[in-house]
Amino acid sequence: MDQELVSRLERELERAVATAVKKIAAKRLPMQPSRQTIHLMAKAAVSVYEAAAAAHERRD
């Protein structure tokens, strides 16, 4: 995938993860993840997406 697209997707996913954690963390989650943890969660999600996209392309 294009690196610019990967970076944008990571940023958007970071925002989404941070928002989700913020909405439920106070009541349900055992801890507030650090900014670095949220960043790594977003990077992991993009890596999974890239692998799925590559597998999809190989099927075509």
PDB file of N, CA and C in Angstrom:
ATOM      1  N   MET A   1       0.832  -1.183   0.000  1.00  0.00           N
ATOM      2  CA  MET A   1       0.000   0.000   0.000  1.00  0.00           C
ATOM      3  C   MET A   1       0.873   1.240   0.000  1.00  0.00           C
ATOM      4  N   ASP A   2       0.348   2.290  -0.556  1.00  0.00           N
ATOM      5  CA  ASP A   2       1.023   3.583  -0.595  1.00  0.00           C
ATOM      6  C   ASP A   2       1.283   4.074   0.836  1.00  0.00           C
ATOM      7  N   GLN A   3       2.505   4.521   1.112  1.00  0.00           N
ATOM      8  CA  GLN A   3       2.881   4.930   2.467  1.00  0.00           C
ATOM      9  C   GLN A   3       2.045   6.096   2.979  1.00  0.00           C
ATOM     10  N   GLU A   4       1.698   7.017   2.118  1.00  0.00           N
ATOM     11  CA  GLU A   4       0.861   8.149   2.543  1.00  0.00           C
ATOM     12  C   GLU A   4      -0.514   7.660   2.994  1.00  0.00           C
ATOM     13  N   LEU A   5      -1.061   6.711   2.255  1.00  0.00           N
ATOM     14  CA  LEU A   5      -2.357   6.137   2.613  1.00  0.00           C
ATOM     15  C   LEU A   5      -2.262   5.367   3.932  1.00  0.00           C
ATOM     16  N   VAL A   6      -1.193   4.636   4.126  1.00  0.00           N
ATOM     17  CA  VAL A   6      -0.978   3.900   5.373  1.00  0.00           C
ATOM     18  C   VAL A   6      -0.922   4.874   6.551  1.00  0.00           C
ATOM     19  N   SER A   7      -0.180   5.948   6.396  1.00  0.00           N
ATOM     20  CA  SER A   7      -0.059   6.944   7.467  1.00  0.00           C
ATOM     21  C   SER A   7      -1.404   7.581   7.788  1.00  0.00           C
ATOM     22  N   ARG A   8      -2.154   7.898   6.765  1.00  0.00           N
ATOM     23  CA  ARG A   8      -3.469   8.508   6.984  1.00  0.00           C
ATOM     24  C   ARG A   8      -4.402   7.529   7.700  1.00  0.00           C
ATOM     25  N   LEU A   9      -4.392   6.280   7.258  1.00  0.00           N
ATOM     26  CA  LEU A   9      -5.231   5.273   7.894  1.00  0.00           C
ATOM     27  C   LEU A   9      -4.834   5.084   9.355  1.00  0.00           C
ATOM     28  N   GLU A  10      -3.545   5.080   9.645  1.00  0.00           N
ATOM     29  CA  GLU A  10      -3.085   4.964  11.029  1.00  0.00           C
ATOM     30  C   GLU A  10      -3.587   6.129  11.872  1.00  0.00           C
ATOM     31  N   ARG A  11      -3.486   7.340  11.351  1.00  0.00           N
ATOM     32  CA  ARG A  11      -3.953   8.519  12.105  1.00  0.00           C
ATOM     33  C   ARG A  11      -5.449   8.431  12.393  1.00  0.00           C
ATOM     34  N   GLU A  12      -6.216   8.059  11.386  1.00  0.00           N
ATOM     35  CA  GLU A  12      -7.666   7.955  11.563  1.00  0.00           C
ATOM     36  C   GLU A  12      -8.018   6.860  12.573  1.00  0.00           C
ATOM     37  N   LEU A  13      -7.316   5.746  12.505  1.00  0.00           N
ATOM     38  CA  LEU A  13      -7.574   4.664  13.452  1.00  0.00           C
ATOM     39  C   LEU A  13      -7.159   5.051  14.869  1.00  0.00           C
ATOM     40  N   GLU A  14      -6.076   5.808  14.996  1.00  0.00           N
ATOM     41  CA  GLU A  14      -5.690   6.301  16.328  1.00  0.00           C
ATOM     42  C   GLU A  14      -6.815   7.131  16.930  1.00  0.00           C
ATOM     43  N   ARG A  15      -7.370   8.014  16.129  1.00  0.00           N
ATOM     44  CA  ARG A  15      -8.477   8.844  16.623  1.00  0.00           C
ATOM     45  C   ARG A  15      -9.668   7.980  17.019  1.00  0.00           C
ATOM     46  N   ALA A  16      -9.983   6.998  16.199  1.00  0.00           N
ATOM     47  CA  ALA A  16     -11.121   6.127  16.479  1.00  0.00           C
ATOM     48  C   ALA A  16     -10.896   5.311  17.751  1.00  0.00           C
ATOM     49  N   VAL A  17      -9.695   4.780  17.908  1.00  0.00           N
ATOM     50  CA  VAL A  17      -9.391   4.002  19.114  1.00  0.00           C
ATOM     51  C   VAL A  17      -9.449   4.903  20.340  1.00  0.00           C
ATOM     52  N   ALA A  18      -8.863   6.073  20.262  1.00  0.00           N
ATOM     53  CA  ALA A  18      -8.874   7.006  21.398  1.00  0.00           C
ATOM     54  C   ALA A  18     -10.300   7.375  21.779  1.00  0.00           C
ATOM     55  N   THR A  19     -11.139   7.607  20.789  1.00  0.00           N
ATOM     56  CA  THR A  19     -12.538   7.949  21.053  1.00  0.00           C
ATOM     57  C   THR A  19     -13.260   6.782  21.715  1.00  0.00           C
ATOM     58  N   ALA A  20     -13.058   5.584  21.204  1.00  0.00           N
ATOM     59  CA  ALA A  20     -13.712   4.402  21.776  1.00  0.00           C
ATOM     60  C   ALA A  20     -13.271   4.184  23.219  1.00  0.00           C
ATOM     61  N   VAL A  21     -11.974   4.308  23.469  1.00  0.00           N
ATOM     62  CA  VAL A  21     -11.451   4.118  24.827  1.00  0.00           C
ATOM     63  C   VAL A  21     -12.025   5.177  25.754  1.00  0.00           C
ATOM     64  N   LYS A  22     -12.076   6.397  25.281  1.00  0.00           N
ATOM     65  CA  LYS A  22     -12.592   7.494  26.095  1.00  0.00           C
ATOM     66  C   LYS A  22     -14.053   7.259  26.481  1.00  0.00           C
ATOM     67  N   LYS A  23     -14.839   6.739  25.544  1.00  0.00           N
ATOM     68  CA  LYS A  23     -16.258   6.518  25.802  1.00  0.00           C
ATOM     69  C   LYS A  23     -16.524   5.436  26.839  1.00  0.00           C
ATOM     70  N   ILE A  24     -15.694   4.407  26.869  1.00  0.00           N
ATOM     71  CA  ILE A  24     -15.996   3.290  27.766  1.00  0.00           C
ATOM     72  C   ILE A  24     -14.982   3.088  28.884  1.00  0.00           C
ATOM     73  N   ALA A  25     -13.858   3.743  28.824  1.00  0.00           N
ATOM     74  CA  ALA A  25     -12.765   3.473  29.768  1.00  0.00           C
ATOM     75  C   ALA A  25     -13.129   3.749  31.214  1.00  0.00           C
ATOM     76  N   ALA A  26     -13.802   4.824  31.478  1.00  0.00           N
ATOM     77  CA  ALA A  26     -14.058   5.225  32.857  1.00  0.00           C
ATOM     78  C   ALA A  26     -14.839   4.162  33.621  1.00  0.00           C
ATOM     79  N   LYS A  27     -15.681   3.424  32.922  1.00  0.00           N
ATOM     80  CA  LYS A  27     -16.535   2.463  33.602  1.00  0.00           C
ATOM     81  C   LYS A  27     -16.101   1.019  33.442  1.00  0.00           C
ATOM     82  N   ARG A  28     -15.526   0.681  32.296  1.00  0.00           N
ATOM     83  CA  ARG A  28     -15.365  -0.722  31.974  1.00  0.00           C
ATOM     84  C   ARG A  28     -13.937  -1.222  31.802  1.00  0.00           C
ATOM     85  N   LEU A  29     -13.049  -0.408  31.323  1.00  0.00           N
ATOM     86  CA  LEU A  29     -11.696  -0.875  31.032  1.00  0.00           C
ATOM     87  C   LEU A  29     -10.829  -0.822  32.288  1.00  0.00           C
ATOM     88  N   PRO A  30      -9.929  -1.787  32.452  1.00  0.00           N
ATOM     89  CA  PRO A  30      -9.104  -1.827  33.660  1.00  0.00           C
ATOM     90  C   PRO A  30      -8.023  -0.746  33.715  1.00  0.00           C
ATOM     91  N   MET A  31      -7.739  -0.102  32.573  1.00  0.00           N
ATOM     92  CA  MET A  31      -6.704   0.944  32.549  1.00  0.00           C
ATOM     93  C   MET A  31      -6.919   1.853  31.346  1.00  0.00           C
ATOM     94  N   GLN A  32      -6.351   3.022  31.410  1.00  0.00           N
ATOM     95  CA  GLN A  32      -6.335   3.934  30.275  1.00  0.00           C
ATOM     96  C   GLN A  32      -5.056   3.666  29.498  1.00  0.00           C
ATOM     97  N   PRO A  33      -5.146   3.273  28.224  1.00  0.00           N
ATOM     98  CA  PRO A  33      -3.915   3.033  27.468  1.00  0.00           C
ATOM     99  C   PRO A  33      -3.175   4.345  27.210  1.00  0.00           C
ATOM    100  N   SER A  34      -1.861   4.240  27.172  1.00  0.00           N
ATOM    101  CA  SER A  34      -1.046   5.422  26.879  1.00  0.00           C
ATOM    102  C   SER A  34      -1.199   5.798  25.409  1.00  0.00           C
ATOM    103  N   ARG A  35      -0.745   6.966  25.074  1.00  0.00           N
ATOM    104  CA  ARG A  35      -0.756   7.424  23.682  1.00  0.00           C
ATOM    105  C   ARG A  35       0.028   6.447  22.800  1.00  0.00           C
ATOM    106  N   GLN A  36       1.161   5.964  23.327  1.00  0.00           N
ATOM    107  CA  GLN A  36       1.982   5.021  22.578  1.00  0.00           C
ATOM    108  C   GLN A  36       1.225   3.707  22.335  1.00  0.00           C
ATOM    109  N   THR A  37       0.491   3.240  23.333  1.00  0.00           N
ATOM    110  CA  THR A  37      -0.289   2.012  23.170  1.00  0.00           C
ATOM    111  C   THR A  37      -1.372   2.196  22.122  1.00  0.00           C
ATOM    112  N   ILE A  38      -2.035   3.332  22.134  1.00  0.00           N
ATOM    113  CA  ILE A  38      -3.058   3.616  21.126  1.00  0.00           C
ATOM    114  C   ILE A  38      -2.425   3.655  19.736  1.00  0.00           C
ATOM    115  N   HIS A  39      -1.268   4.259  19.635  1.00  0.00           N
ATOM    116  CA  HIS A  39      -0.553   4.312  18.360  1.00  0.00           C
ATOM    117  C   HIS A  39      -0.232   2.901  17.864  1.00  0.00           C
ATOM    118  N   LEU A  40       0.257   2.059  18.760  1.00  0.00           N
ATOM    119  CA  LEU A  40       0.586   0.686  18.375  1.00  0.00           C
ATOM    120  C   LEU A  40      -0.662  -0.112  17.994  1.00  0.00           C
ATOM    121  N   MET A  41      -1.759   0.143  18.663  1.00  0.00           N
ATOM    122  CA  MET A  41      -3.017  -0.520  18.307  1.00  0.00           C
ATOM    123  C   MET A  41      -3.431  -0.147  16.881  1.00  0.00           C
ATOM    124  N   ALA A  42      -3.294   1.123  16.531  1.00  0.00           N
ATOM    125  CA  ALA A  42      -3.638   1.580  15.184  1.00  0.00           C
ATOM    126  C   ALA A  42      -2.698   0.960  14.149  1.00  0.00           C
ATOM    127  N   LYS A  43      -1.412   0.916  14.462  1.00  0.00           N
ATOM    128  CA  LYS A  43      -0.446   0.311  13.531  1.00  0.00           C
ATOM    129  C   LYS A  43      -0.752  -1.170  13.327  1.00  0.00           C
ATOM    130  N   ALA A  44      -1.119  -1.844  14.386  1.00  0.00           N
ATOM    131  CA  ALA A  44      -1.457  -3.263  14.279  1.00  0.00           C
ATOM    132  C   ALA A  44      -2.688  -3.455  13.398  1.00  0.00           C
ATOM    133  N   ALA A  45      -3.677  -2.603  13.575  1.00  0.00           N
ATOM    134  CA  ALA A  45      -4.891  -2.703  12.761  1.00  0.00           C
ATOM    135  C   ALA A  45      -4.575  -2.487  11.285  1.00  0.00           C
ATOM    136  N   VAL A  46      -3.729  -1.541  10.979  1.00  0.00           N
ATOM    137  CA  VAL A  46      -3.360  -1.286   9.590  1.00  0.00           C
ATOM    138  C   VAL A  46      -2.574  -2.469   9.030  1.00  0.00           C
ATOM    139  N   SER A  47      -1.709  -3.059   9.832  1.00  0.00           N
ATOM    140  CA  SER A  47      -0.953  -4.234   9.378  1.00  0.00           C
ATOM    141  C   SER A  47      -1.893  -5.384   9.032  1.00  0.00           C
ATOM    142  N   VAL A  48      -2.903  -5.600   9.845  1.00  0.00           N
ATOM    143  CA  VAL A  48      -3.888  -6.646   9.561  1.00  0.00           C
ATOM    144  C   VAL A  48      -4.616  -6.324   8.260  1.00  0.00           C
ATOM    145  N   TYR A  49      -4.992  -5.069   8.082  1.00  0.00           N
ATOM    146  CA  TYR A  49      -5.678  -4.673   6.854  1.00  0.00           C
ATOM    147  C   TYR A  49      -4.782  -4.873   5.624  1.00  0.00           C
ATOM    148  N   GLU A  50      -3.519  -4.490   5.745  1.00  0.00           N
ATOM    149  CA  GLU A  50      -2.593  -4.665   4.621  1.00  0.00           C
ATOM    150  C   GLU A  50      -2.454  -6.143   4.244  1.00  0.00           C
ATOM    151  N   ALA A  51      -2.375  -7.011   5.249  1.00  0.00           N
ATOM    152  CA  ALA A  51      -2.273  -8.447   4.980  1.00  0.00           C
ATOM    153  C   ALA A  51      -3.534  -8.963   4.291  1.00  0.00           C
ATOM    154  N   ALA A  52      -4.690  -8.504   4.740  1.00  0.00           N
ATOM    155  CA  ALA A  52      -5.944  -8.924   4.119  1.00  0.00           C
ATOM    156  C   ALA A  52      -6.038  -8.410   2.685  1.00  0.00           C
ATOM    157  N   ALA A  53      -5.607  -7.186   2.454  1.00  0.00           N
ATOM    158  CA  ALA A  53      -5.647  -6.622   1.103  1.00  0.00           C
ATOM    159  C   ALA A  53      -4.696  -7.379   0.180  1.00  0.00           C
ATOM    160  N   ALA A  54      -3.533  -7.735   0.681  1.00  0.00           N
ATOM    161  CA  ALA A  54      -2.575  -8.489  -0.128  1.00  0.00           C
ATOM    162  C   ALA A  54      -3.138  -9.873  -0.473  1.00  0.00           C
ATOM    163  N   ALA A  55      -3.772 -10.510   0.489  1.00  0.00           N
ATOM    164  CA  ALA A  55      -4.381 -11.819   0.235  1.00  0.00           C
ATOM    165  C   ALA A  55      -5.501 -11.699  -0.792  1.00  0.00           C
ATOM    166  N   HIS A  56      -6.256 -10.636  -0.694  1.00  0.00           N
ATOM    167  CA  HIS A  56      -7.349 -10.394  -1.642  1.00  0.00           C
ATOM    168  C   HIS A  56      -6.804 -10.210  -3.067  1.00  0.00           C
ATOM    169  N   GLU A  57      -5.724  -9.457  -3.178  1.00  0.00           N
ATOM    170  CA  GLU A  57      -5.108  -9.235  -4.497  1.00  0.00           C
ATOM    171  C   GLU A  57      -4.560 -10.526  -5.087  1.00  0.00           C
ATOM    172  N   ARG A  58      -4.021 -11.402  -4.252  1.00  0.00           N
ATOM    173  CA  ARG A  58      -3.489 -12.675  -4.739  1.00  0.00           C
ATOM    174  C   ARG A  58      -4.604 -13.580  -5.263  1.00  0.00           C
ATOM    175  N   ARG A  59      -5.813 -13.441  -4.730  1.00  0.00           N
ATOM    176  CA  ARG A  59      -6.941 -14.251  -5.195  1.00  0.00           C
ATOM    177  C   ARG A  59      -7.422 -13.851  -6.573  1.00  0.00           C
ATOM    178  N   ASP A  60      -7.185 -12.608  -6.935  1.00  0.00           N
ATOM    179  CA  ASP A  60      -7.660 -12.114  -8.248  1.00  0.00           C
ATOM    180  C   ASP A  60      -6.797 -12.580  -9.378  1.00  0.00           C
TER     181      ASP A  60
END
